Structures are given as structure tokens and as C-alpha cells.
Amino acid sequence: MTEDEVRQRAFAMPISSPAFPPGPYRFINREFFIVSYRTDPELLRAMIPAPLQFVEPVVKFEFIRMPDSTGFGDFTESGQVIPVSLNGQRGGYVHAMYLNDHPPIAGGRELWGFPKKLAWPELRVEKDTLLGQLKYGSVPVAQATMGYKHRTLPTAPILQALSTPNYLLKIIPHVDGSPRICELVRYYLEDITVKGAWEGPAAIELFQHALAPVAQLPVLEVLSGMHILTDLTLGLGTVVHDYLAP
């Protein structure tokens, strides 16, 4: 393989059979279960990387079921998103994510900088209850419940909320272990169709785990539970801040 051939074929590793294909990545029937809760403001401030700014002591714990995605297939993820602002515009900082499938873990980390780790999230309906569970190995990390489709929500505010910017801290090390890339990345969800949205009584419990420390942002009060069904495209990102630039 010549140097030119390497450059032409270089997209992702391994070069002979990349872990994920080039985008864009379209998701059909992507299902969200989001529990918003109030947490300790000082603990939350310590988790937000500048230049992002703290806006309120709220965390959104998400369980996301993705049965049909181009390139990534069928998988589920879960994690925490923190409301933030940048230059006066509100958005969400993705603090932690846990997935049960390798291609979206590799693609999410390498392309955008999603903070993804391998774990076992689930989202399903049990009789009258929407259930979200996250295990790290065999150990429970989070469990959330909501009354199934108790009240229908208007879709316009949901579409507006899903269209706001999202932020990631992308870190890729050099071969000597020092940081090669350290950037704040912004991305958007695009071509969104909200097929339905519902709310109901919700509860969430977090458990201590050394390698999945979601409980470092404790639940002080549950604010809302929301269930959303969508089609959307995960847009590629842009760098809004380079921490290694002079």
C-alpha cells in the first residue's frame, strides 16, 4: 500500500475494515426516556468545562433506544446531559454515556468525542411502566421509571429542544500519552421528525460505582419525566474551542 493509498483509504481504524462507515447517520424510531432532576449546584459546576457556563442545577438522565440506525445498527445508550450556555446560547453538555455496542462507541468517541463506555443500558415497557435501566457489568448503576404515556405533549416545543446545540469534550492522546487533541465540539441533531411525546410521573435512583460514577451528581428532586419517539440525523461536529491552541 503506497502513502497515497493510505491517505485515500484512511477514515477509521483498522484501515482494512473500519469499525464504522462514513456518515451521515440516520436514526429511525429513535426513542428517548429523559428524567430531569435537580442536583447539587457546586458539584455540577465542577463538571462543566470552560468556556461552557453553568445555567441551572439540573441534570437530564437519558435512556435512548435506537433500533434502526445507518451504520450502527440496533443498540441502546444511556447517560447524563447538563444544561449549559455558550456565548449566551443555551444547549446541552454531554457528561457521560454508556452503550452496549462497539461501532457507535468507536465512532462516537473518534468522530465527535462522545464520552462513551461499554455497559448495558435497557429501555422497555413493563405493563403500565416505562423502564430505563443501566448496568455496568452485572452491577446496577441507574434505574428510572415513568407512567407509560399518561399525558400527550405538544411536539413543537420538543422539536425546538432537540434542535438546540450539544457540546462534547473531545480528547485523543498522542502516542507518548500526552494530549494530541483536546477540543470543545458542537453538534446538532438534524432533519428531526417528532412522532410523539408523552409525560407522566417519574422516578430515578442512582447507585455508586467506581467506573460508572453517575451518582456523583446526586438526585435531590425529580423534576419531570418525558418519553419521545423521533426520526433524526446525527449531524457531524464543529470545533468551537481548542484547549491546546496558543
Protein backbone atom coordinates (compact mmCIF):
# COMPACT_ATOMS: atom_id res chain seq x y z
CA MET A 1 0.00 0.00 0.00
CA THR A 2 1.51 3.33 -1.07
CA GLU A 3 1.41 6.50 1.03
CA ASP A 4 -1.22 7.95 -1.33
CA GLU A 5 -3.34 4.83 -0.95
CA VAL A 6 -3.09 5.10 2.82
CA ARG A 7 -4.24 8.73 2.69
CA GLN A 8 -7.11 7.90 0.33
CA ARG A 9 -8.37 4.98 2.41
CA ALA A 10 -7.77 6.47 5.85
CA PHE A 11 -11.11 7.00 7.58
CA ALA A 12 -11.11 4.94 10.76
CA MET A 13 -9.24 2.04 12.31
CA PRO A 14 -8.50 -0.65 11.33
CA ILE A 15 -7.84 0.63 7.82
CA SER A 16 -8.63 -2.79 6.32
CA SER A 17 -12.08 -2.93 7.95
CA PRO A 18 -13.12 0.22 9.84
CA ALA A 19 -15.26 -0.21 12.95
CA PHE A 20 -17.90 2.12 11.46
CA PRO A 21 -18.73 3.53 7.99
CA PRO A 22 -18.67 7.20 6.94
CA GLY A 23 -21.77 9.23 7.79
CA PRO A 24 -24.28 10.77 7.75
CA TYR A 25 -26.04 8.63 10.34
CA ARG A 26 -29.82 8.43 10.19
CA PHE A 27 -31.92 7.08 13.07
CA ILE A 28 -35.46 5.76 12.59
CA ASN A 29 -37.81 5.36 15.58
CA ARG A 30 -35.20 6.69 17.98
CA GLU A 31 -36.83 6.58 21.41
CA PHE A 32 -35.87 8.83 24.35
CA PHE A 33 -36.77 8.43 28.02
CA ILE A 34 -35.50 11.53 29.83
CA VAL A 35 -35.73 12.14 33.56
CA SER A 36 -34.76 15.67 34.59
CA TYR A 37 -33.65 16.10 38.18
CA ARG A 38 -32.28 18.79 40.46
CA THR A 39 -28.77 18.21 41.82
CA ASP A 40 -26.10 19.93 43.93
CA PRO A 41 -25.10 23.14 42.07
CA GLU A 42 -21.49 23.18 43.29
CA LEU A 43 -20.89 19.57 42.28
CA LEU A 44 -22.43 20.33 38.88
CA ARG A 45 -20.28 23.44 38.34
CA ALA A 46 -17.16 21.31 38.87
CA MET A 47 -18.20 19.03 35.98
CA ILE A 48 -18.68 21.76 33.35
CA PRO A 49 -15.58 22.58 31.24
CA ALA A 50 -14.96 26.25 30.43
CA PRO A 51 -15.83 28.12 28.28
CA LEU A 52 -19.23 26.45 28.80
CA GLN A 53 -21.19 28.13 31.57
CA PHE A 54 -23.47 26.83 34.31
CA VAL A 55 -27.13 27.79 33.92
CA GLU A 56 -29.13 25.76 36.46
CA PRO A 57 -28.62 22.83 38.90
CA VAL A 58 -30.34 20.32 36.60
CA VAL A 59 -29.25 17.03 35.05
CA LYS A 60 -31.07 15.16 32.29
CA PHE A 61 -30.62 11.40 32.63
CA GLU A 62 -31.36 9.83 29.26
CA PHE A 63 -32.14 6.30 28.11
CA ILE A 64 -32.13 6.11 24.30
CA ARG A 65 -33.31 3.13 22.28
CA MET A 66 -32.04 3.05 18.66
CA PRO A 67 -33.47 0.03 16.80
CA ASP A 68 -32.62 1.27 13.28
CA SER A 69 -29.54 3.40 12.58
CA THR A 70 -27.48 3.57 9.38
CA GLY A 71 -24.00 2.22 10.01
CA PHE A 72 -24.53 1.41 13.68
CA GLY A 73 -27.48 -0.97 13.59
CA ASP A 74 -29.53 -1.71 16.71
CA PHE A 75 -28.32 -0.53 20.12
CA THR A 76 -29.22 1.31 23.32
CA GLU A 77 -27.40 4.01 25.25
CA SER A 78 -27.80 5.92 28.49
CA GLY A 79 -26.13 8.88 30.15
CA GLN A 80 -26.21 12.35 31.65
CA VAL A 81 -26.62 15.67 29.86
CA ILE A 82 -26.08 19.00 31.64
CA PRO A 83 -27.82 22.22 30.53
CA VAL A 84 -25.18 24.87 29.71
CA SER A 85 -24.73 28.06 27.74
CA LEU A 86 -22.04 29.33 25.37
CA ASN A 87 -21.97 32.97 24.29
CA GLY A 88 -25.49 33.38 25.60
CA GLN A 89 -26.95 30.41 23.69
CA ARG A 90 -28.31 27.52 25.71
CA GLY A 91 -27.53 23.92 24.89
CA GLY A 92 -26.53 20.63 26.49
CA TYR A 93 -23.13 19.29 27.57
CA VAL A 94 -22.89 15.51 27.26
CA HIS A 95 -21.21 14.49 30.51
CA ALA A 96 -21.30 10.66 30.37
CA MET A 97 -22.66 7.95 28.08
CA TYR A 98 -22.89 4.16 28.33
CA LEU A 99 -23.59 1.88 25.33
CA ASN A 100 -23.95 -1.82 24.57
CA ASP A 101 -22.45 -1.86 21.04
CA HIS A 102 -18.88 -1.33 19.80
CA PRO A 103 -19.33 0.55 16.45
CA PRO A 104 -21.25 3.51 17.96
CA ILE A 105 -18.79 3.59 20.87
CA ALA A 106 -15.82 3.76 18.49
CA GLY A 107 -17.50 6.15 16.05
CA GLY A 108 -18.89 8.40 18.75
CA ARG A 109 -15.54 8.77 20.51
CA GLU A 110 -13.35 9.10 17.41
CA LEU A 111 -15.55 11.39 15.31
CA TRP A 112 -17.29 13.70 17.78
CA GLY A 113 -15.71 12.97 21.15
CA PHE A 114 -18.75 11.42 22.84
CA PRO A 115 -17.73 10.21 26.34
CA LYS A 116 -18.84 6.64 25.67
CA LYS A 117 -18.07 3.50 27.66
CA LEU A 118 -19.22 -0.09 27.29
CA ALA A 119 -22.08 -1.02 29.62
CA TRP A 120 -25.59 -2.50 29.49
CA PRO A 121 -28.45 0.03 29.21
CA GLU A 122 -32.05 -1.03 28.56
CA LEU A 123 -35.26 0.80 27.71
CA ARG A 124 -38.52 -1.15 27.65
CA VAL A 125 -42.18 -1.13 28.67
CA GLU A 126 -43.26 -3.30 31.60
CA LYS A 127 -47.07 -3.37 31.72
CA ASP A 128 -48.02 0.21 32.68
CA THR A 129 -44.44 1.42 33.26
CA LEU A 130 -41.69 2.80 31.03
CA LEU A 131 -38.47 1.36 32.48
CA GLY A 132 -34.89 2.51 31.95
CA GLN A 133 -32.04 0.53 33.49
CA LEU A 134 -28.26 0.84 33.32
CA LYS A 135 -25.83 -1.83 34.47
CA TYR A 136 -22.04 -1.75 34.36
CA GLY A 137 -21.23 -5.41 34.01
CA SER A 138 -23.62 -7.11 36.43
CA VAL A 139 -23.82 -4.12 38.79
CA PRO A 140 -26.87 -1.78 38.71
CA VAL A 141 -25.89 1.86 38.12
CA ALA A 142 -29.23 3.61 37.42
CA GLN A 143 -32.91 2.77 37.31
CA ALA A 144 -35.70 5.08 36.17
CA THR A 145 -39.45 4.60 35.82
CA MET A 146 -42.32 6.61 34.37
CA GLY A 147 -46.04 6.08 33.98
CA TYR A 148 -46.49 4.98 30.37
CA LYS A 149 -47.97 7.71 28.14
CA HIS A 150 -50.03 9.36 30.85
CA ARG A 151 -50.28 12.70 29.04
CA THR A 152 -49.57 13.66 25.43
CA LEU A 153 -47.23 16.61 24.94
CA PRO A 154 -47.26 19.10 22.04
CA THR A 155 -44.46 18.29 19.62
CA ALA A 156 -43.37 21.82 18.69
CA PRO A 157 -41.53 22.54 22.00
CA ILE A 158 -39.93 19.07 21.81
CA LEU A 159 -38.64 19.80 18.31
CA GLN A 160 -37.25 23.12 19.48
CA ALA A 161 -35.48 21.49 22.44
CA LEU A 162 -33.96 18.74 20.28
CA SER A 163 -32.68 21.37 17.82
CA THR A 164 -30.51 23.23 20.34
CA PRO A 165 -26.70 22.78 20.20
CA ASN A 166 -24.93 19.99 22.05
CA TYR A 167 -21.34 20.08 23.33
CA LEU A 168 -18.64 17.45 23.84
CA LEU A 169 -15.11 17.46 25.22
CA LYS A 170 -13.07 15.53 22.64
CA ILE A 171 -9.76 14.16 23.95
CA ILE A 172 -7.41 11.98 21.89
CA PRO A 173 -3.93 11.22 23.25
CA HIS A 174 -0.63 11.37 21.37
CA VAL A 175 1.47 8.21 21.07
CA ASP A 176 3.55 9.40 24.04
CA GLY A 177 0.45 9.71 26.22
CA SER A 178 0.21 13.50 26.09
CA PRO A 179 -2.96 15.08 24.65
CA ARG A 180 -2.88 15.31 20.84
CA ILE A 181 -6.44 16.66 20.54
CA CYS A 182 -8.33 18.48 23.28
CA GLU A 183 -11.28 20.37 21.86
CA LEU A 184 -14.78 21.54 22.68
CA VAL A 185 -17.02 20.20 19.91
CA ARG A 186 -20.51 21.37 19.00
CA TYR A 187 -23.02 19.26 17.09
CA TYR A 188 -26.71 19.37 16.22
CA LEU A 189 -29.46 16.84 15.63
CA GLU A 190 -30.84 17.44 12.13
CA ASP A 191 -33.86 16.58 9.95
CA ILE A 192 -35.89 15.83 13.06
CA THR A 193 -39.40 14.41 12.96
CA VAL A 194 -41.11 14.17 16.34
CA LYS A 195 -43.57 11.27 16.02
CA GLY A 196 -44.90 11.54 19.56
CA ALA A 197 -44.13 12.86 23.03
CA TRP A 198 -45.59 11.99 26.42
CA GLU A 199 -45.08 12.72 30.10
CA GLY A 200 -46.02 11.02 33.35
CA PRO A 201 -44.99 10.57 36.97
CA ALA A 202 -41.29 9.68 37.08
CA ALA A 203 -38.67 8.41 39.49
CA ILE A 204 -34.95 7.69 39.25
CA GLU A 205 -32.37 6.09 41.52
CA LEU A 206 -28.58 6.19 41.05
CA PHE A 207 -26.09 3.75 42.56
CA GLN A 208 -22.42 4.22 43.38
CA HIS A 209 -19.93 2.60 41.01
CA ALA A 210 -16.20 3.33 40.76
CA LEU A 211 -16.11 3.14 36.95
CA ALA A 212 -19.58 4.50 36.16
CA PRO A 213 -19.82 7.41 38.61
CA VAL A 214 -23.22 8.79 37.60
CA ALA A 215 -24.13 9.11 41.29
CA GLN A 216 -21.52 11.87 41.68
CA LEU A 217 -24.38 14.14 40.56
CA PRO A 218 -26.96 13.09 43.16
CA VAL A 219 -30.72 13.21 42.71
CA LEU A 220 -32.17 15.85 45.05
CA GLU A 221 -35.56 16.20 43.36
CA VAL A 222 -37.15 14.69 40.25
CA LEU A 223 -38.49 17.49 38.06
CA SER A 224 -40.04 15.69 35.09
CA GLY A 225 -40.21 12.52 33.02
CA MET A 226 -40.55 12.59 29.23
CA HIS A 227 -40.91 9.91 26.56
CA ILE A 228 -40.20 10.88 22.93
CA LEU A 229 -40.28 9.00 19.61
CA THR A 230 -38.37 10.53 16.68
CA ASP A 231 -36.63 10.13 13.36
CA LEU A 232 -33.45 12.21 13.07
CA THR A 233 -29.96 12.56 11.64
CA LEU A 234 -26.90 12.92 13.87
CA GLY A 235 -25.00 15.83 12.35
CA LEU A 236 -21.21 15.96 12.27
CA GLY A 237 -19.46 18.39 14.56
CA THR A 238 -17.51 21.64 14.55
CA VAL A 239 -14.71 22.70 16.90
CA VAL A 240 -15.69 25.75 18.95
CA HIS A 241 -12.68 25.83 21.29
CA ASP A 242 -9.18 24.34 21.06
CA TYR A 243 -7.64 23.89 24.52
CA LEU A 244 -4.17 23.24 23.05
CA ALA A 245 -4.04 26.34 20.83
CA PRO A 246 -1.55 29.02 21.92
